[in-house]
Amino acid sequence: KVLHGSELMLNLYSRLVLRLPGIFHFLSESSVETNITSHIALTQDTPGDLKLVIKDCSHLLGGFRVNLQKG
């Protein structure tokens, strides 16, 4: 049972930048961007038992960039 008025929308943007040492240094400063959107709700199965539920979740890969170091 979804509690009335307890639904929220969560929008999470993230960017991952790689900084790698040693043999993989040529990939340093490469990045990946993503945008995650989800509807979350507070539910109650039994009195006093509240749960946070992800109702749906979609993601969009914003893009990626690869920087190759010289050499």
PDB file of N, CA and C in Angstrom:
ATOM      1  N   LYS A   1       0.856  -1.181   0.000  1.00  0.00           N
ATOM      2  CA  LYS A   1       0.000   0.000   0.000  1.00  0.00           C
ATOM      3  C   LYS A   1       0.895   1.235   0.000  1.00  0.00           C
ATOM      4  N   VAL A   2       0.706   2.093  -0.969  1.00  0.00           N
ATOM      5  CA  VAL A   2       1.488   3.333  -1.042  1.00  0.00           C
ATOM      6  C   VAL A   2       0.804   4.386  -0.178  1.00  0.00           C
ATOM      7  N   LEU A   3       1.547   4.984   0.713  1.00  0.00           N
ATOM      8  CA  LEU A   3       0.989   6.005   1.579  1.00  0.00           C
ATOM      9  C   LEU A   3       0.685   7.262   0.778  1.00  0.00           C
ATOM     10  N   HIS A   4      -0.458   7.852   1.025  1.00  0.00           N
ATOM     11  CA  HIS A   4      -0.902   9.031   0.279  1.00  0.00           C
ATOM     12  C   HIS A   4       0.083  10.193   0.433  1.00  0.00           C
ATOM     13  N   GLY A   5       0.452  10.791  -0.685  1.00  0.00           N
ATOM     14  CA  GLY A   5       1.329  11.957  -0.670  1.00  0.00           C
ATOM     15  C   GLY A   5       2.778  11.663  -0.348  1.00  0.00           C
ATOM     16  N   SER A   6       3.196  10.419  -0.483  1.00  0.00           N
ATOM     17  CA  SER A   6       4.562  10.078  -0.093  1.00  0.00           C
ATOM     18  C   SER A   6       5.451   9.707  -1.276  1.00  0.00           C
ATOM     19  N   GLU A   7       5.044  10.049  -2.483  1.00  0.00           N
ATOM     20  CA  GLU A   7       5.844   9.720  -3.659  1.00  0.00           C
ATOM     21  C   GLU A   7       6.772  10.880  -4.000  1.00  0.00           C
ATOM     22  N   LEU A   8       8.022  10.538  -4.305  1.00  0.00           N
ATOM     23  CA  LEU A   8       9.031  11.531  -4.665  1.00  0.00           C
ATOM     24  C   LEU A   8       9.684  11.146  -5.977  1.00  0.00           C
ATOM     25  N   MET A   9      10.260  12.134  -6.644  1.00  0.00           N
ATOM     26  CA  MET A   9      11.033  11.861  -7.854  1.00  0.00           C
ATOM     27  C   MET A   9      12.487  12.190  -7.547  1.00  0.00           C
ATOM     28  N   LEU A  10      13.368  11.231  -7.824  1.00  0.00           N
ATOM     29  CA  LEU A  10      14.794  11.388  -7.569  1.00  0.00           C
ATOM     30  C   LEU A  10      15.509  11.503  -8.907  1.00  0.00           C
ATOM     31  N   ASN A  11      16.285  12.555  -9.085  1.00  0.00           N
ATOM     32  CA  ASN A  11      17.054  12.746 -10.303  1.00  0.00           C
ATOM     33  C   ASN A  11      18.519  12.870  -9.901  1.00  0.00           C
ATOM     34  N   LEU A  12      19.328  11.933 -10.378  1.00  0.00           N
ATOM     35  CA  LEU A  12      20.734  11.876  -9.987  1.00  0.00           C
ATOM     36  C   LEU A  12      21.612  11.977 -11.226  1.00  0.00           C
ATOM     37  N   TYR A  13      22.430  13.008 -11.262  1.00  0.00           N
ATOM     38  CA  TYR A  13      23.383  13.188 -12.357  1.00  0.00           C
ATOM     39  C   TYR A  13      24.764  12.843 -11.826  1.00  0.00           C
ATOM     40  N   SER A  14      25.510  12.063 -12.573  1.00  0.00           N
ATOM     41  CA  SER A  14      26.861  11.727 -12.126  1.00  0.00           C
ATOM     42  C   SER A  14      27.840  11.753 -13.295  1.00  0.00           C
ATOM     43  N   ARG A  15      29.076  12.022 -12.949  1.00  0.00           N
ATOM     44  CA  ARG A  15      30.164  12.027 -13.932  1.00  0.00           C
ATOM     45  C   ARG A  15      31.354  11.343 -13.294  1.00  0.00           C
ATOM     46  N   LEU A  16      31.871  10.359 -13.973  1.00  0.00           N
ATOM     47  CA  LEU A  16      33.020   9.597 -13.497  1.00  0.00           C
ATOM     48  C   LEU A  16      34.225   9.961 -14.352  1.00  0.00           C
ATOM     49  N   VAL A  17      35.276  10.444 -13.703  1.00  0.00           N
ATOM     50  CA  VAL A  17      36.511  10.802 -14.392  1.00  0.00           C
ATOM     51  C   VAL A  17      37.596   9.824 -13.955  1.00  0.00           C
ATOM     52  N   LEU A  18      38.272   9.224 -14.926  1.00  0.00           N
ATOM     53  CA  LEU A  18      39.318   8.245 -14.635  1.00  0.00           C
ATOM     54  C   LEU A  18      40.669   8.924 -14.472  1.00  0.00           C
ATOM     55  N   ARG A  19      41.365   8.561 -13.418  1.00  0.00           N
ATOM     56  CA  ARG A  19      42.756   8.986 -13.218  1.00  0.00           C
ATOM     57  C   ARG A  19      43.525   7.721 -12.869  1.00  0.00           C
ATOM     58  N   LEU A  20      44.175   7.176 -13.863  1.00  0.00           N
ATOM     59  CA  LEU A  20      44.818   5.876 -13.708  1.00  0.00           C
ATOM     60  C   LEU A  20      46.337   5.993 -13.759  1.00  0.00           C
ATOM     61  N   PRO A  21      47.026   5.311 -12.855  1.00  0.00           N
ATOM     62  CA  PRO A  21      48.490   5.338 -12.858  1.00  0.00           C
ATOM     63  C   PRO A  21      49.056   4.217 -13.720  1.00  0.00           C
ATOM     64  N   GLY A  22      50.341   4.265 -13.907  1.00  0.00           N
ATOM     65  CA  GLY A  22      51.061   3.156 -14.538  1.00  0.00           C
ATOM     66  C   GLY A  22      50.699   2.901 -15.989  1.00  0.00           C
ATOM     67  N   ILE A  23      50.528   1.634 -16.304  1.00  0.00           N
ATOM     68  CA  ILE A  23      50.336   1.199 -17.691  1.00  0.00           C
ATOM     69  C   ILE A  23      49.057   1.773 -18.333  1.00  0.00           C
ATOM     70  N   PHE A  24      48.050   2.100 -17.525  1.00  0.00           N
ATOM     71  CA  PHE A  24      46.794   2.623 -18.060  1.00  0.00           C
ATOM     72  C   PHE A  24      46.723   4.149 -18.026  1.00  0.00           C
ATOM     73  N   HIS A  25      47.851   4.809 -17.812  1.00  0.00           N
ATOM     74  CA  HIS A  25      47.887   6.268 -17.737  1.00  0.00           C
ATOM     75  C   HIS A  25      47.350   6.925 -19.006  1.00  0.00           C
ATOM     76  N   PHE A  26      47.463   6.251 -20.137  1.00  0.00           N
ATOM     77  CA  PHE A  26      46.992   6.835 -21.400  1.00  0.00           C
ATOM     78  C   PHE A  26      45.477   7.067 -21.398  1.00  0.00           C
ATOM     79  N   LEU A  27      44.728   6.430 -20.503  1.00  0.00           N
ATOM     80  CA  LEU A  27      43.277   6.642 -20.408  1.00  0.00           C
ATOM     81  C   LEU A  27      42.890   7.692 -19.370  1.00  0.00           C
ATOM     82  N   SER A  28      43.858   8.258 -18.651  1.00  0.00           N
ATOM     83  CA  SER A  28      43.558   9.246 -17.624  1.00  0.00           C
ATOM     84  C   SER A  28      42.824  10.437 -18.209  1.00  0.00           C
ATOM     85  N   GLU A  29      41.942  11.013 -17.391  1.00  0.00           N
ATOM     86  CA  GLU A  29      41.087  12.150 -17.731  1.00  0.00           C
ATOM     87  C   GLU A  29      39.949  11.776 -18.677  1.00  0.00           C
ATOM     88  N   SER A  30      39.756  10.494 -18.977  1.00  0.00           N
ATOM     89  CA  SER A  30      38.573  10.065 -19.713  1.00  0.00           C
ATOM     90  C   SER A  30      37.381  10.135 -18.766  1.00  0.00           C
ATOM     91  N   SER A  31      36.156  10.306 -19.299  1.00  0.00           N
ATOM     92  CA  SER A  31      35.001  10.449 -18.421  1.00  0.00           C
ATOM     93  C   SER A  31      33.751   9.793 -19.001  1.00  0.00           C
ATOM     94  N   VAL A  32      32.815   9.468 -18.106  1.00  0.00           N
ATOM     95  CA  VAL A  32      31.513   8.917 -18.467  1.00  0.00           C
ATOM     96  C   VAL A  32      30.465   9.706 -17.690  1.00  0.00           C
ATOM     97  N   GLU A  33      29.389  10.149 -18.367  1.00  0.00           N
ATOM     98  CA  GLU A  33      28.319  10.891 -17.710  1.00  0.00           C
ATOM     99  C   GLU A  33      27.022  10.101 -17.811  1.00  0.00           C
ATOM    100  N   THR A  34      26.225  10.137 -16.735  1.00  0.00           N
ATOM    101  CA  THR A  34      24.941   9.458 -16.754  1.00  0.00           C
ATOM    102  C   THR A  34      23.916  10.262 -15.961  1.00  0.00           C
ATOM    103  N   ASN A  35      22.644  10.087 -16.307  1.00  0.00           N
ATOM    104  CA  ASN A  35      21.543  10.750 -15.634  1.00  0.00           C
ATOM    105  C   ASN A  35      20.528   9.669 -15.250  1.00  0.00           C
ATOM    106  N   ILE A  36      20.244   9.512 -13.965  1.00  0.00           N
ATOM    107  CA  ILE A  36      19.324   8.491 -13.476  1.00  0.00           C
ATOM    108  C   ILE A  36      18.095   9.174 -12.881  1.00  0.00           C
ATOM    109  N   THR A  37      16.898   8.770 -13.338  1.00  0.00           N
ATOM    110  CA  THR A  37      15.648   9.308 -12.824  1.00  0.00           C
ATOM    111  C   THR A  37      14.822   8.163 -12.257  1.00  0.00           C
ATOM    112  N   SER A  38      14.269   8.371 -11.066  1.00  0.00           N
ATOM    113  CA  SER A  38      13.501   7.314 -10.419  1.00  0.00           C
ATOM    114  C   SER A  38      12.355   7.910  -9.611  1.00  0.00           C
ATOM    115  N   HIS A  39      11.218   7.219  -9.601  1.00  0.00           N
ATOM    116  CA  HIS A  39      10.109   7.555  -8.718  1.00  0.00           C
ATOM    117  C   HIS A  39      10.230   6.649  -7.508  1.00  0.00           C
ATOM    118  N   ILE A  40      10.241   7.239  -6.329  1.00  0.00           N
ATOM    119  CA  ILE A  40      10.336   6.455  -5.106  1.00  0.00           C
ATOM    120  C   ILE A  40       9.104   6.735  -4.255  1.00  0.00           C
ATOM    121  N   ALA A  41       8.702   5.751  -3.462  1.00  0.00           N
ATOM    122  CA  ALA A  41       7.511   5.896  -2.625  1.00  0.00           C
ATOM    123  C   ALA A  41       7.750   5.240  -1.278  1.00  0.00           C
ATOM    124  N   LEU A  42       7.000   5.707  -0.296  1.00  0.00           N
ATOM    125  CA  LEU A  42       7.024   5.129   1.036  1.00  0.00           C
ATOM    126  C   LEU A  42       5.821   4.201   1.144  1.00  0.00           C
ATOM    127  N   THR A  43       6.044   2.919   1.470  1.00  0.00           N
ATOM    128  CA  THR A  43       4.955   1.948   1.574  1.00  0.00           C
ATOM    129  C   THR A  43       4.872   1.396   2.991  1.00  0.00           C
ATOM    130  N   GLN A  44       3.720   0.798   3.290  1.00  0.00           N
ATOM    131  CA  GLN A  44       3.522   0.200   4.605  1.00  0.00           C
ATOM    132  C   GLN A  44       2.737  -1.097   4.437  1.00  0.00           C
ATOM    133  N   ASP A  45       3.408  -2.242   4.633  1.00  0.00           N
ATOM    134  CA  ASP A  45       2.745  -3.542   4.539  1.00  0.00           C
ATOM    135  C   ASP A  45       1.978  -3.864   5.817  1.00  0.00           C
ATOM    136  N   THR A  46       2.589  -3.615   6.943  1.00  0.00           N
ATOM    137  CA  THR A  46       1.951  -3.825   8.238  1.00  0.00           C
ATOM    138  C   THR A  46       2.167  -2.564   9.071  1.00  0.00           C
ATOM    139  N   PRO A  47       1.317  -2.308  10.055  1.00  0.00           N
ATOM    140  CA  PRO A  47       1.494  -1.111  10.889  1.00  0.00           C
ATOM    141  C   PRO A  47       2.904  -1.041  11.495  1.00  0.00           C
ATOM    142  N   GLY A  48       3.547   0.094  11.338  1.00  0.00           N
ATOM    143  CA  GLY A  48       4.886   0.301  11.872  1.00  0.00           C
ATOM    144  C   GLY A  48       6.009  -0.217  10.989  1.00  0.00           C
ATOM    145  N   ASP A  49       5.671  -0.846   9.851  1.00  0.00           N
ATOM    146  CA  ASP A  49       6.681  -1.416   8.949  1.00  0.00           C
ATOM    147  C   ASP A  49       6.752  -0.574   7.680  1.00  0.00           C
ATOM    148  N   LEU A  50       7.554   0.489   7.705  1.00  0.00           N
ATOM    149  CA  LEU A  50       7.680   1.392   6.562  1.00  0.00           C
ATOM    150  C   LEU A  50       8.830   0.961   5.666  1.00  0.00           C
ATOM    151  N   LYS A  51       8.615   1.053   4.358  1.00  0.00           N
ATOM    152  CA  LYS A  51       9.652   0.693   3.383  1.00  0.00           C
ATOM    153  C   LYS A  51       9.744   1.771   2.323  1.00  0.00           C
ATOM    154  N   LEU A  52      10.959   2.042   1.870  1.00  0.00           N
ATOM    155  CA  LEU A  52      11.196   2.951   0.766  1.00  0.00           C
ATOM    156  C   LEU A  52      11.345   2.109  -0.493  1.00  0.00           C
ATOM    157  N   VAL A  53      10.486   2.341  -1.497  1.00  0.00           N
ATOM    158  CA  VAL A  53      10.421   1.490  -2.681  1.00  0.00           C
ATOM    159  C   VAL A  53      10.735   2.306  -3.928  1.00  0.00           C
ATOM    160  N   ILE A  54      11.574   1.750  -4.813  1.00  0.00           N
ATOM    161  CA  ILE A  54      11.824   2.352  -6.118  1.00  0.00           C
ATOM    162  C   ILE A  54      10.763   1.828  -7.068  1.00  0.00           C
ATOM    163  N   LYS A  55       9.880   2.735  -7.554  1.00  0.00           N
ATOM    164  CA  LYS A  55       8.763   2.306  -8.394  1.00  0.00           C
ATOM    165  C   LYS A  55       9.184   2.093  -9.836  1.00  0.00           C
ATOM    166  N   ASP A  56       9.999   2.965 -10.352  1.00  0.00           N
ATOM    167  CA  ASP A  56      10.558   2.794 -11.691  1.00  0.00           C
ATOM    168  C   ASP A  56      11.872   3.543 -11.751  1.00  0.00           C
ATOM    169  N   CYS A  57      12.691   3.146 -12.669  1.00  0.00           N
ATOM    170  CA  CYS A  57      14.016   3.748 -12.754  1.00  0.00           C
ATOM    171  C   CYS A  57      14.434   3.766 -14.214  1.00  0.00           C
ATOM    172  N   SER A  58      14.841   4.928 -14.689  1.00  0.00           N
ATOM    173  CA  SER A  58      15.351   5.014 -16.056  1.00  0.00           C
ATOM    174  C   SER A  58      16.698   5.715 -16.013  1.00  0.00           C
ATOM    175  N   HIS A  59      17.528   5.397 -16.965  1.00  0.00           N
ATOM    176  CA  HIS A  59      18.848   6.019 -17.003  1.00  0.00           C
ATOM    177  C   HIS A  59      19.167   6.426 -18.436  1.00  0.00           C
ATOM    178  N   LEU A  60      19.960   7.437 -18.534  1.00  0.00           N
ATOM    179  CA  LEU A  60      20.368   7.959 -19.827  1.00  0.00           C
ATOM    180  C   LEU A  60      21.870   8.170 -19.782  1.00  0.00           C
ATOM    181  N   LEU A  61      22.569   7.514 -20.677  1.00  0.00           N
ATOM    182  CA  LEU A  61      24.006   7.708 -20.775  1.00  0.00           C
ATOM    183  C   LEU A  61      24.231   9.029 -21.491  1.00  0.00           C
ATOM    184  N   GLY A  62      24.736  10.009 -20.738  1.00  0.00           N
ATOM    185  CA  GLY A  62      24.905  11.341 -21.284  1.00  0.00           C
ATOM    186  C   GLY A  62      26.031  11.422 -22.302  1.00  0.00           C
ATOM    187  N   GLY A  63      26.986  10.577 -22.188  1.00  0.00           N
ATOM    188  CA  GLY A  63      28.087  10.583 -23.134  1.00  0.00           C
ATOM    189  C   GLY A  63      29.366  10.121 -22.479  1.00  0.00           C
ATOM    190  N   PHE A  64      30.345   9.920 -23.295  1.00  0.00           N
ATOM    191  CA  PHE A  64      31.640   9.562 -22.750  1.00  0.00           C
ATOM    192  C   PHE A  64      32.716  10.216 -23.594  1.00  0.00           C
ATOM    193  N   ARG A  65      33.823  10.468 -22.960  1.00  0.00           N
ATOM    194  CA  ARG A  65      34.945  11.133 -23.626  1.00  0.00           C
ATOM    195  C   ARG A  65      36.205  10.359 -23.304  1.00  0.00           C
ATOM    196  N   VAL A  66      36.985  10.067 -24.301  1.00  0.00           N
ATOM    197  CA  VAL A  66      38.252   9.359 -24.094  1.00  0.00           C
ATOM    198  C   VAL A  66      39.382  10.281 -24.519  1.00  0.00           C
ATOM    199  N   ASN A  67      40.286  10.524 -23.580  1.00  0.00           N
ATOM    200  CA  ASN A  67      41.481  11.312 -23.857  1.00  0.00           C
ATOM    201  C   ASN A  67      42.670  10.377 -23.905  1.00  0.00           C
ATOM    202  N   LEU A  68      43.341  10.343 -25.010  1.00  0.00           N
ATOM    203  CA  LEU A  68      44.565   9.536 -25.116  1.00  0.00           C
ATOM    204  C   LEU A  68      45.758  10.470 -24.934  1.00  0.00           C
ATOM    205  N   GLN A  69      46.605  10.142 -23.973  1.00  0.00           N
ATOM    206  CA  GLN A  69      47.786  10.942 -23.693  1.00  0.00           C
ATOM    207  C   GLN A  69      48.826  10.720 -24.795  1.00  0.00           C
ATOM    208  N   LYS A  70      49.629  11.726 -25.041  1.00  0.00           N
ATOM    209  CA  LYS A  70      50.692  11.599 -26.053  1.00  0.00           C
ATOM    210  C   LYS A  70      51.698  10.551 -25.623  1.00  0.00           C
ATOM    211  N   GLY A  71      52.200   9.818 -26.617  1.00  0.00           N
ATOM    212  CA  GLY A  71      53.215   8.813 -26.331  1.00  0.00           C
ATOM    213  C   GLY A  71      52.603   7.463 -26.232  1.00  0.00           C
TER     214      GLY A  71
END
